[in-house]
C-alpha atoms as a PDB file:
ATOM      1  CA  MET A   1     100.936  79.749 130.943  1.00  0.00           C
ATOM      2  CA  LEU A   2     104.661  80.247 131.571  1.00  0.00           C
ATOM      3  CA  VAL A   3     104.666  77.416 134.101  1.00  0.00           C
ATOM      4  CA  ALA A   4     103.023  75.079 131.579  1.00  0.00           C
ATOM      5  CA  LEU A   5     105.601  75.998 128.932  1.00  0.00           C
ATOM      6  CA  HIS A   6     108.390  75.493 131.458  1.00  0.00           C
ATOM      7  CA  ARG A   7     107.051  72.022 132.309  1.00  0.00           C
ATOM      8  CA  LEU A   8     106.848  71.021 128.663  1.00  0.00           C
ATOM      9  CA  ALA A   9     110.345  72.316 127.964  1.00  0.00           C
ATOM     10  CA  HIS A  10     111.731  70.222 130.802  1.00  0.00           C
ATOM     11  CA  GLY A  11     109.817  67.040 130.007  1.00  0.00           C
ATOM     12  CA  LEU A  12     107.573  67.243 133.050  1.00  0.00           C
ATOM     13  CA  SER A  13     104.347  66.388 131.271  1.00  0.00           C
ATOM     14  CA  GLY A  14     104.055  63.099 133.205  1.00  0.00           C
ATOM     15  CA  CYS A  15     103.336  64.906 136.455  1.00  0.00           C
ATOM     16  CA  THR A  16      99.871  65.454 137.843  1.00  0.00           C
ATOM     17  CA  SER A  17      97.679  68.063 136.248  1.00  0.00           C
ATOM     18  CA  PHE A  18      96.131  71.172 137.754  1.00  0.00           C
ATOM     19  CA  GLY A  19      92.716  69.500 137.560  1.00  0.00           C
ATOM     20  CA  GLU A  20      93.404  66.580 139.906  1.00  0.00           C
ATOM     21  CA  LYS A  21      91.053  66.034 142.828  1.00  0.00           C
ATOM     22  CA  ILE A  22      92.266  66.537 146.389  1.00  0.00           C
ATOM     23  CA  ALA A  23      89.915  65.554 149.214  1.00  0.00           C
ATOM     24  CA  MET A  24      88.831  68.794 150.853  1.00  0.00           C
ATOM     25  CA  LYS A  25      87.876  66.987 154.084  1.00  0.00           C
ATOM     26  CA  ASP A  26      91.522  66.131 154.812  1.00  0.00           C
ATOM     27  CA  ASN A  27      93.541  68.498 156.986  1.00  0.00           C
ATOM     28  CA  LEU A  28      96.043  70.752 155.228  1.00  0.00           C
ATOM     29  CA  PRO A  29      99.186  68.655 155.901  1.00  0.00           C
ATOM     30  CA  ASP A  30      97.424  65.517 154.629  1.00  0.00           C
ATOM     31  CA  ARG A  31      96.214  67.389 151.540  1.00  0.00           C
ATOM     32  CA  MET A  32      99.728  68.659 150.833  1.00  0.00           C
ATOM     33  CA  LEU A  33     101.225  65.178 151.188  1.00  0.00           C
ATOM     34  CA  GLN A  34      98.554  63.724 148.909  1.00  0.00           C
ATOM     35  CA  LEU A  35      99.225  66.387 146.274  1.00  0.00           C
ATOM     36  CA  MET A  36     103.016  66.298 146.452  1.00  0.00           C
ATOM     37  CA  SER A  37     103.559  62.560 146.918  1.00  0.00           C
ATOM     38  CA  ASP A  38     104.088  62.196 143.147  1.00  0.00           C
ATOM     39  CA  GLY A  39     107.589  63.686 143.467  1.00  0.00           C
ATOM     40  CA  CYS A  40     106.864  66.255 140.757  1.00  0.00           C
ATOM     41  CA  TRP A  41     107.432  69.985 140.964  1.00  0.00           C
ATOM     42  CA  HIS A  42     104.368  72.037 141.974  1.00  0.00           C
ATOM     43  CA  SER A  43     103.996  75.754 141.311  1.00  0.00           C
ATOM     44  CA  THR A  44     103.079  78.329 143.923  1.00  0.00           C
ATOM     45  CA  ASP A  45      99.822  78.938 142.013  1.00  0.00           C
ATOM     46  CA  LYS A  46      98.896  75.264 142.230  1.00  0.00           C
ATOM     47  CA  LEU A  47      99.713  75.049 145.942  1.00  0.00           C
ATOM     48  CA  VAL A  48      97.634  78.150 146.647  1.00  0.00           C
ATOM     49  CA  ALA A  49      94.703  76.716 144.664  1.00  0.00           C
ATOM     50  CA  LYS A  50      94.873  73.186 146.103  1.00  0.00           C
ATOM     51  CA  ILE A  51      96.119  73.766 149.669  1.00  0.00           C
ATOM     52  CA  SER A  52      95.827  77.352 150.915  1.00  0.00           C
ATOM     53  CA  HIS A  53      97.229  80.824 150.348  1.00  0.00           C
ATOM     54  CA  ARG A  54      99.279  79.962 153.461  1.00  0.00           C
ATOM     55  CA  PHE A  55     100.707  76.749 151.982  1.00  0.00           C
ATOM     56  CA  SER A  56     104.180  77.620 153.307  1.00  0.00           C
ATOM     57  CA  ALA A  57     102.824  77.380 156.878  1.00  0.00           C
ATOM     58  CA  THR A  58     101.588  73.873 156.050  1.00  0.00           C
ATOM     59  CA  MET A  59     104.993  73.075 154.562  1.00  0.00           C
ATOM     60  CA  HIS A  60     106.615  74.306 157.793  1.00  0.00           C
ATOM     61  CA  ILE A  61     104.440  71.914 159.849  1.00  0.00           C
ATOM     62  CA  LEU A  62     105.489  69.023 157.624  1.00  0.00           C
ATOM     63  CA  LYS A  63     109.170  70.004 157.875  1.00  0.00           C
ATOM     64  CA  LYS A  64     108.861  69.835 161.664  1.00  0.00           C
ATOM     65  CA  ARG A  65     107.525  66.268 161.197  1.00  0.00           C
ATOM     66  CA  GLY A  66     110.612  65.281 159.195  1.00  0.00           C
ATOM     67  CA  TYR A  67     109.525  65.887 155.611  1.00  0.00           C
ATOM     68  CA  GLN A  68     111.859  67.712 153.244  1.00  0.00           C
ATOM     69  CA  PHE A  69     111.057  69.881 150.259  1.00  0.00           C
ATOM     70  CA  ASP A  70     113.095  71.198 147.348  1.00  0.00           C
ATOM     71  CA  LYS A  71     112.446  74.703 146.055  1.00  0.00           C
ATOM     72  CA  ARG A  72     113.499  76.109 142.696  1.00  0.00           C
ATOM     73  CA  ARG A  73     113.046  79.454 141.009  1.00  0.00           C
ATOM     74  CA  ILE A  74     111.408  79.193 137.601  1.00  0.00           C
ATOM     75  CA  GLN A  75     111.174  82.874 136.640  1.00  0.00           C
ATOM     76  CA  GLY A  76     111.513  86.125 138.566  1.00  0.00           C
ATOM     77  CA  GLN A  77     109.800  85.589 141.897  1.00  0.00           C
ATOM     78  CA  GLN A  78     107.964  82.407 140.783  1.00  0.00           C
ATOM     79  CA  HIS A  79     108.968  79.165 142.459  1.00  0.00           C
ATOM     80  CA  GLU A  80     108.124  75.468 142.379  1.00  0.00           C
ATOM     81  CA  TYR A  81     108.312  72.960 145.206  1.00  0.00           C
ATOM     82  CA  ARG A  82     108.537  69.176 145.484  1.00  0.00           C
ATOM     83  CA  LEU A  83     108.503  66.648 148.281  1.00  0.00           C
ATOM     84  CA  VAL A  84     111.922  65.037 148.672  1.00  0.00           C
ATOM     85  CA  ILE A  85     111.932  62.666 151.635  1.00  0.00           C
ATOM     86  CA  LYS A  86     108.887  61.235 153.345  1.00  0.00           C
ATOM     87  CA  SER A  87     108.926  61.145 157.132  1.00  0.00           C
ATOM     88  CA  LYS A  88     109.639  57.836 158.825  1.00  0.00           C
ATOM     89  CA  ALA A  89     107.936  59.024 162.000  1.00  0.00           C
ATOM     90  CA  ILE A  90     104.978  57.057 163.267  1.00  0.00           C
ATOM     91  CA  ALA A  91     101.817  59.161 163.258  1.00  0.00           C
END
């Protein structure tokens, strides 16, 4: 609830919703890129629900491939993440 209020207060209503569909057959890095390719901020709760409780390990794999992420604290120990730069590496 607090995350939703935070998003509304900061005009982030145009970002993807919690109910969007992510293909479960994709591997975790592909799922994370699909989810975060909108450039919007994504809460820890959303990343846990859509990727894995170990989403930071997936983020680490993507960082090693040249992707960059921003992280911001929204309240207490709650954070949000967004994809900043997409890798130019050839898969």
